[in-house]
Each structure stands twice: as C-alpha cells, then as structure tokens.
C-alpha cells in the first residue's frame, strides 16, 4: 500500500536514520527528493512533499562535515531548484 492509499491519519514521514553518517543522511534525503511521497492536501488535490525534503536537506548541509556528502546533496538541491525555474 502506498501513501496515496492510506487514510490521512495513517500517513507518516519516514524518519531520518538515527546515528546516520553524513553520506547515509545525504542518500536518504536524495532518495526522498527524487521520489517524494504524495499527500492529499484537500479533497481531490494531491501534492508531493519534495519541498519539505529540500528544506530538510538545506538544513542538514549546515551540520555535515563530510565534503563528499555535502557535494552530493548540494548537487541534488541545485538540480531541483533549476528544474523548478523552468
């Protein structure tokens, strides 16, 4: 069952892995930016929550110390922001 089929009271955001390394966190966020969940915000109106994960990724960058993880995440953020402008 995907999030579209779940009753609203059963929808949950997947939690960030506790104790994840920077690269694990980056991959977790990238996965959710590329394939965001969708939620029904009002009857018949479906939106994905990509923006939520992009904001979470931007906040995570401040805490990361692994330069490769930061590069991956920064690239993904730029990719979607560029895509949104077009």
C-alpha atoms as a PDB file:
ATOM      1  CA  UNK A   1       0.000   0.000   0.000  1.00  0.00           C
ATOM      2  CA  UNK A   2       1.458   3.425  -0.920  1.00  0.00           C
ATOM      3  CA  UNK A   3       0.820   6.736   0.842  1.00  0.00           C
ATOM      4  CA  UNK A   4      -1.909   7.605  -1.663  1.00  0.00           C
ATOM      5  CA  UNK A   5      -3.971   4.652  -0.427  1.00  0.00           C
ATOM      6  CA  UNK A   6      -3.507   5.219   3.288  1.00  0.00           C
ATOM      7  CA  UNK A   7      -6.075   7.095   5.323  1.00  0.00           C
ATOM      8  CA  UNK A   8      -4.790  10.537   6.298  1.00  0.00           C
ATOM      9  CA  UNK A   9      -4.382   9.570   9.941  1.00  0.00           C
ATOM     10  CA  UNK A  10      -2.002   6.748   8.922  1.00  0.00           C
ATOM     11  CA  UNK A  11       0.374   8.834   6.775  1.00  0.00           C
ATOM     12  CA  UNK A  12       3.789   9.236   8.305  1.00  0.00           C
ATOM     13  CA  UNK A  13       7.024  10.749   7.078  1.00  0.00           C
ATOM     14  CA  UNK A  14       9.902   8.328   7.060  1.00  0.00           C
ATOM     15  CA  UNK A  15      12.269   9.286   9.859  1.00  0.00           C
ATOM     16  CA  UNK A  16      15.895  10.133   9.235  1.00  0.00           C
ATOM     17  CA  UNK A  17      18.055   7.181  10.273  1.00  0.00           C
ATOM     18  CA  UNK A  18      19.263   7.760  13.823  1.00  0.00           C
ATOM     19  CA  UNK A  19      23.063   7.973  14.046  1.00  0.00           C
ATOM     20  CA  UNK A  20      23.423   8.064  10.258  1.00  0.00           C
ATOM     21  CA  UNK A  21      26.738   9.148   8.784  1.00  0.00           C
ATOM     22  CA  UNK A  22      26.751  12.228   6.545  1.00  0.00           C
ATOM     23  CA  UNK A  23      26.759  10.076   3.414  1.00  0.00           C
ATOM     24  CA  UNK A  24      23.880   7.923   4.717  1.00  0.00           C
ATOM     25  CA  UNK A  25      21.892  11.050   5.525  1.00  0.00           C
ATOM     26  CA  UNK A  26      22.637  12.552   2.107  1.00  0.00           C
ATOM     27  CA  UNK A  27      21.489   9.370   0.356  1.00  0.00           C
ATOM     28  CA  UNK A  28      18.345   9.198   2.486  1.00  0.00           C
ATOM     29  CA  UNK A  29      17.428  12.793   1.598  1.00  0.00           C
ATOM     30  CA  UNK A  30      18.330  12.372  -2.086  1.00  0.00           C
ATOM     31  CA  UNK A  31      16.070   9.313  -2.279  1.00  0.00           C
ATOM     32  CA  UNK A  32      13.172  11.311  -0.883  1.00  0.00           C
ATOM     33  CA  UNK A  33      13.858  14.346  -3.056  1.00  0.00           C
ATOM     34  CA  UNK A  34      13.867  12.162  -6.176  1.00  0.00           C
ATOM     35  CA  UNK A  35      10.820  10.108  -5.114  1.00  0.00           C
ATOM     36  CA  UNK A  36       8.760  12.193  -2.695  1.00  0.00           C
ATOM     37  CA  UNK A  37       5.598  10.947  -1.071  1.00  0.00           C
ATOM     38  CA  UNK A  38       2.322  12.439  -2.171  1.00  0.00           C
ATOM     39  CA  UNK A  39      -0.378  13.656   0.156  1.00  0.00           C
ATOM     40  CA  UNK A  40      -3.939  14.769  -0.384  1.00  0.00           C
ATOM     41  CA  UNK A  41      -3.971  18.328   0.972  1.00  0.00           C
ATOM     42  CA  UNK A  42      -7.674  18.701   0.351  1.00  0.00           C
ATOM     43  CA  UNK A  43     -10.242  16.503  -1.366  1.00  0.00           C
ATOM     44  CA  UNK A  44      -9.049  15.873  -4.922  1.00  0.00           C
ATOM     45  CA  UNK A  45      -5.863  17.957  -4.550  1.00  0.00           C
ATOM     46  CA  UNK A  46      -2.679  15.894  -4.411  1.00  0.00           C
ATOM     47  CA  UNK A  47       0.777  17.371  -3.811  1.00  0.00           C
ATOM     48  CA  UNK A  48       4.171  15.814  -3.316  1.00  0.00           C
ATOM     49  CA  UNK A  49       6.344  16.835  -0.391  1.00  0.00           C
ATOM     50  CA  UNK A  50       9.607  17.320  -2.298  1.00  0.00           C
ATOM     51  CA  UNK A  51       9.907  20.880  -0.965  1.00  0.00           C
ATOM     52  CA  UNK A  52       9.826  19.539   2.577  1.00  0.00           C
ATOM     53  CA  UNK A  53      12.789  17.254   1.852  1.00  0.00           C
ATOM     54  CA  UNK A  54      14.679  20.009   0.010  1.00  0.00           C
ATOM     55  CA  UNK A  55      14.346  22.249   3.069  1.00  0.00           C
ATOM     56  CA  UNK A  56      15.478  19.378   5.305  1.00  0.00           C
ATOM     57  CA  UNK A  57      18.484  18.840   3.018  1.00  0.00           C
ATOM     58  CA  UNK A  58      19.410  22.523   3.170  1.00  0.00           C
ATOM     59  CA  UNK A  59      19.319  22.409   6.976  1.00  0.00           C
ATOM     60  CA  UNK A  60      21.368  19.189   7.029  1.00  0.00           C
ATOM     61  CA  UNK A  61      24.140  20.802   4.974  1.00  0.00           C
ATOM     62  CA  UNK A  62      24.962  23.081   7.913  1.00  0.00           C
ATOM     63  CA  UNK A  63      25.647  20.077  10.133  1.00  0.00           C
ATOM     64  CA  UNK A  64      27.581  17.905   7.675  1.00  0.00           C
ATOM     65  CA  UNK A  65      31.352  17.582   7.865  1.00  0.00           C
ATOM     66  CA  UNK A  66      31.911  15.071   5.031  1.00  0.00           C
ATOM     67  CA  UNK A  67      32.684  17.163   1.918  1.00  0.00           C
ATOM     68  CA  UNK A  68      31.595  14.415  -0.500  1.00  0.00           C
ATOM     69  CA  UNK A  69      28.218  14.022   1.195  1.00  0.00           C
ATOM     70  CA  UNK A  70      27.761  17.789   1.077  1.00  0.00           C
ATOM     71  CA  UNK A  71      28.606  17.890  -2.641  1.00  0.00           C
ATOM     72  CA  UNK A  72      26.071  15.167  -3.427  1.00  0.00           C
ATOM     73  CA  UNK A  73      23.330  16.897  -1.501  1.00  0.00           C
ATOM     74  CA  UNK A  74      24.152  20.351  -2.884  1.00  0.00           C
ATOM     75  CA  UNK A  75      24.056  18.946  -6.427  1.00  0.00           C
ATOM     76  CA  UNK A  76      20.630  17.398  -5.852  1.00  0.00           C
ATOM     77  CA  UNK A  77      19.244  20.607  -4.340  1.00  0.00           C
ATOM     78  CA  UNK A  78      20.548  22.662  -7.284  1.00  0.00           C
ATOM     79  CA  UNK A  79      19.142  20.121  -9.753  1.00  0.00           C
ATOM     80  CA  UNK A  80      15.584  20.511  -8.450  1.00  0.00           C
ATOM     81  CA  UNK A  81      15.767  24.257  -7.940  1.00  0.00           C
ATOM     82  CA  UNK A  82      16.932  24.640 -11.555  1.00  0.00           C
ATOM     83  CA  UNK A  83      14.151  22.304 -12.692  1.00  0.00           C
ATOM     84  CA  UNK A  84      11.544  24.318 -10.754  1.00  0.00           C
ATOM     85  CA  UNK A  85      12.560  27.550 -12.510  1.00  0.00           C
ATOM     86  CA  UNK A  86      11.852  26.072 -15.958  1.00  0.00           C
END
